[in-house]
Amino acid sequence: MLEVVDFRATDYGKEVARILELDGAGTAAGRRPMQLAGSACTSTEAQELLDTMKARQLFPNAPSPEGGLCGLYLYYSCLDQGHSIAQELGSVEGSFWHGIMHRREPDAGNAAYWFRRVGRHPIFPALRDEAHRLRFDTGREWDPFEFIEFCEGARERPGSEEERIAMQVQLVEWQLLFDYCARENAR
């Protein structure tokens, strides 16, 4: 797997690193590609732990603690919990997480609605560059709508190169948005 974003779970504190290490995929914490379509939560241990935590406990100095918590739920495919948090966020990041959640549901139309509310996000240039390195190119600017369509097609071809690329790009998207929400001094 091509290494892209320099993502270190420890950048978000010991508790968050511990939660991300629960993925059990044998990869570095926070680097396991997520399925393109939702399923049940992939770690009941992570879900139970997250259910007991408050966003400000996990991310006391973050720009968007609730966005960070939403990202953790979505990392573990806990779509209902992630959706509840995204629904309450009255921010562009809430719309972004909401769009990701609906794309994974999968509900392409609803995902597109939420990405229209995002507009142009500050992580888009880095996401475009990393996606290009992974062989998904949307041109001069990141196009979340083109990525929704790509994921829809890739989902229909399990085990394909398209699915692998879509899952890697989705992970980079998650890493960048999570970092934007959760890391102190990220903005």
Protein backbone atom coordinates (compact mmCIF):
# COMPACT_ATOMS: atom_id res chain seq x y z
CA MET A 1 0.00 0.00 0.00
CA LEU A 2 1.32 3.41 -0.96
CA GLU A 3 1.98 5.58 2.08
CA VAL A 4 0.48 9.02 1.66
CA VAL A 5 -0.52 11.29 4.51
CA ASP A 6 1.90 11.39 7.43
CA PHE A 7 -0.75 10.33 9.94
CA ARG A 8 0.31 9.57 13.51
CA ALA A 9 -2.39 8.60 15.98
CA THR A 10 -0.20 9.85 18.83
CA ASP A 11 -0.60 13.43 17.53
CA TYR A 12 -4.09 13.40 19.09
CA GLY A 13 -3.14 12.21 22.57
CA LYS A 14 -2.77 8.87 24.30
CA GLU A 15 -6.49 8.15 24.64
CA VAL A 16 -7.24 8.76 20.96
CA ALA A 17 -4.19 6.71 19.94
CA ARG A 18 -5.43 3.87 22.15
CA ILE A 19 -8.87 4.03 20.51
CA LEU A 20 -7.37 4.02 17.01
CA GLU A 21 -5.19 1.03 17.90
CA LEU A 22 -8.35 -1.02 18.41
CA ASP A 23 -8.79 -1.44 14.65
CA GLY A 24 -7.04 -4.82 14.79
CA ALA A 25 -6.06 -4.75 11.15
CA GLY A 26 -2.34 -5.12 11.76
CA THR A 27 -1.71 -1.65 10.34
CA ALA A 28 -0.56 1.48 12.09
CA ALA A 29 -3.41 3.09 14.02
CA GLY A 30 -5.60 5.27 11.83
CA ARG A 31 -4.29 3.82 8.58
CA ARG A 32 -6.71 0.97 7.89
CA PRO A 33 -8.77 1.58 4.75
CA MET A 34 -12.49 1.70 5.52
CA GLN A 35 -15.11 -0.13 3.52
CA LEU A 36 -16.87 1.92 0.86
CA ALA A 37 -20.30 0.81 2.02
CA GLY A 38 -21.43 0.92 5.60
CA SER A 39 -21.78 -2.10 7.77
CA ALA A 40 -22.09 -2.77 11.44
CA CYS A 41 -19.49 -1.13 13.66
CA THR A 42 -16.19 -2.89 13.04
CA SER A 43 -15.11 -2.76 16.69
CA THR A 44 -17.62 -3.16 19.48
CA GLU A 45 -14.81 -2.34 21.91
CA ALA A 46 -14.17 1.00 20.18
CA GLN A 47 -17.88 1.75 19.96
CA GLU A 48 -18.45 1.02 23.65
CA LEU A 49 -15.45 3.15 24.61
CA LEU A 50 -16.53 6.04 22.39
CA ASP A 51 -20.05 5.85 23.81
CA THR A 52 -18.63 6.67 27.26
CA MET A 53 -16.42 9.56 26.12
CA LYS A 54 -17.16 13.23 25.67
CA ALA A 55 -15.67 15.05 22.70
CA ARG A 56 -13.98 17.64 24.93
CA GLN A 57 -12.37 14.84 26.98
CA LEU A 58 -10.75 13.39 23.87
CA PHE A 59 -9.94 16.65 22.13
CA PRO A 60 -9.69 19.38 24.80
CA ASN A 61 -7.90 21.95 22.61
CA ALA A 62 -9.08 20.91 19.16
CA PRO A 63 -10.80 23.26 16.71
CA SER A 64 -13.78 20.85 16.44
CA PRO A 65 -13.91 18.27 19.23
CA GLU A 66 -17.30 16.98 18.07
CA GLY A 67 -15.94 16.67 14.53
CA GLY A 68 -13.08 14.57 15.89
CA LEU A 69 -15.49 12.30 17.76
CA CYS A 70 -17.66 11.98 14.65
CA GLY A 71 -14.58 10.98 12.68
CA LEU A 72 -13.71 8.26 15.19
CA TYR A 73 -17.19 6.77 14.93
CA LEU A 74 -17.02 6.82 11.13
CA TYR A 75 -13.55 5.23 11.18
CA TYR A 76 -15.16 2.23 12.86
CA SER A 77 -18.20 2.27 10.55
CA CYS A 78 -20.52 3.28 13.39
CA LEU A 79 -22.63 5.23 10.93
CA ASP A 80 -25.63 5.83 13.20
CA GLN A 81 -23.52 7.39 15.93
CA GLY A 82 -21.47 9.40 13.42
CA HIS A 83 -24.65 10.57 11.76
CA SER A 84 -26.12 11.78 15.05
CA ILE A 85 -23.06 13.89 15.76
CA ALA A 86 -22.77 15.24 12.20
CA GLN A 87 -26.45 16.19 12.31
CA GLU A 88 -25.83 18.35 15.38
CA LEU A 89 -22.73 20.11 14.03
CA GLY A 90 -23.69 23.41 12.49
CA SER A 91 -20.40 23.71 10.64
CA VAL A 92 -18.84 22.98 7.28
CA GLU A 93 -17.00 20.06 8.92
CA GLY A 94 -20.33 18.66 10.11
CA SER A 95 -21.58 18.78 6.52
CA PHE A 96 -18.35 17.13 5.33
CA TRP A 97 -18.67 14.25 7.83
CA HIS A 98 -22.35 14.02 6.94
CA GLY A 99 -21.45 13.67 3.26
CA ILE A 100 -18.90 10.95 3.98
CA MET A 101 -21.41 9.07 6.12
CA HIS A 102 -24.10 9.14 3.42
CA ARG A 103 -21.59 8.15 0.73
CA ARG A 104 -20.74 5.08 2.80
CA GLU A 105 -24.38 4.29 3.59
CA PRO A 106 -24.54 4.25 0.44
CA ASP A 107 -26.85 7.11 -0.50
CA ALA A 108 -25.14 9.04 -3.30
CA GLY A 109 -27.88 11.67 -3.65
CA ASN A 110 -27.86 12.53 0.03
CA ALA A 111 -24.05 12.55 0.07
CA ALA A 112 -24.07 15.03 -2.82
CA TYR A 113 -26.52 17.26 -0.93
CA TRP A 114 -24.14 17.48 2.04
CA PHE A 115 -21.07 18.03 -0.12
CA ARG A 116 -22.86 20.93 -1.83
CA ARG A 117 -23.15 22.45 1.65
CA VAL A 118 -19.40 21.97 2.20
CA GLY A 119 -18.43 24.09 -0.79
CA ARG A 120 -14.64 24.39 -1.06
CA HIS A 121 -12.96 23.07 2.05
CA PRO A 122 -9.40 23.95 3.13
CA ILE A 123 -8.33 20.27 2.95
CA PHE A 124 -9.38 19.95 -0.69
CA PRO A 125 -5.99 20.91 -2.22
CA ALA A 126 -4.12 18.33 -0.14
CA LEU A 127 -6.82 15.74 -0.81
CA ARG A 128 -6.61 16.41 -4.55
CA ASP A 129 -2.82 15.99 -4.48
CA GLU A 130 -2.89 12.78 -2.46
CA ALA A 131 -5.72 11.33 -4.55
CA HIS A 132 -3.72 12.09 -7.69
CA ARG A 133 -0.75 10.17 -6.26
CA LEU A 134 -3.11 7.26 -5.64
CA ARG A 135 -4.22 7.41 -9.30
CA PHE A 136 -7.54 9.16 -8.84
CA ASP A 137 -7.48 12.52 -10.58
CA THR A 138 -10.28 15.08 -10.49
CA GLY A 139 -8.34 17.74 -12.33
CA ARG A 140 -7.21 21.10 -10.97
CA GLU A 141 -9.52 20.96 -7.95
CA TRP A 142 -10.86 18.22 -5.72
CA ASP A 143 -14.31 17.18 -6.88
CA PRO A 144 -16.28 15.40 -4.14
CA PHE A 145 -19.11 14.64 -6.58
CA GLU A 146 -16.78 12.83 -8.96
CA PHE A 147 -15.48 10.85 -5.98
CA ILE A 148 -19.04 9.88 -4.98
CA GLU A 149 -19.56 8.50 -8.50
CA PHE A 150 -16.20 6.73 -8.44
CA CYS A 151 -17.07 5.07 -5.12
CA GLU A 152 -20.47 4.01 -6.47
CA GLY A 153 -18.79 2.26 -9.41
CA ALA A 154 -15.97 0.79 -7.32
CA ARG A 155 -18.46 -0.71 -4.87
CA GLU A 156 -19.93 -2.73 -7.75
CA ARG A 157 -16.50 -4.27 -8.46
CA PRO A 158 -15.30 -5.81 -5.18
CA GLY A 159 -11.61 -6.68 -5.22
CA SER A 160 -10.94 -4.42 -8.21
CA GLU A 161 -8.19 -1.85 -8.60
CA GLU A 162 -10.92 0.83 -8.53
CA GLU A 163 -12.14 -0.40 -5.15
CA ARG A 164 -8.60 -0.40 -3.77
CA ILE A 165 -8.00 3.16 -5.01
CA ALA A 166 -11.36 4.40 -3.70
CA MET A 167 -10.69 2.91 -0.27
CA GLN A 168 -7.22 4.48 -0.13
CA VAL A 169 -8.51 7.90 -1.20
CA GLN A 170 -11.33 7.62 1.33
CA LEU A 171 -8.77 6.90 4.06
CA VAL A 172 -6.71 9.95 3.08
CA GLU A 173 -9.89 12.04 3.10
CA TRP A 174 -10.68 10.74 6.59
CA GLN A 175 -7.14 11.39 7.84
CA LEU A 176 -7.07 14.96 6.51
CA LEU A 177 -10.52 15.89 7.82
CA PHE A 178 -9.91 14.18 11.17
CA ASP A 179 -6.64 16.09 11.52
CA TYR A 180 -8.36 19.36 10.60
CA CYS A 181 -10.98 18.79 13.31
CA ALA A 182 -9.01 17.07 16.04
CA ARG A 183 -5.44 18.27 16.20
CA GLU A 184 -4.56 21.23 18.35
CA ASN A 185 -3.31 24.11 16.18
CA ALA A 186 -4.37 22.28 13.00
CA ARG A 187 -5.84 25.41 11.41
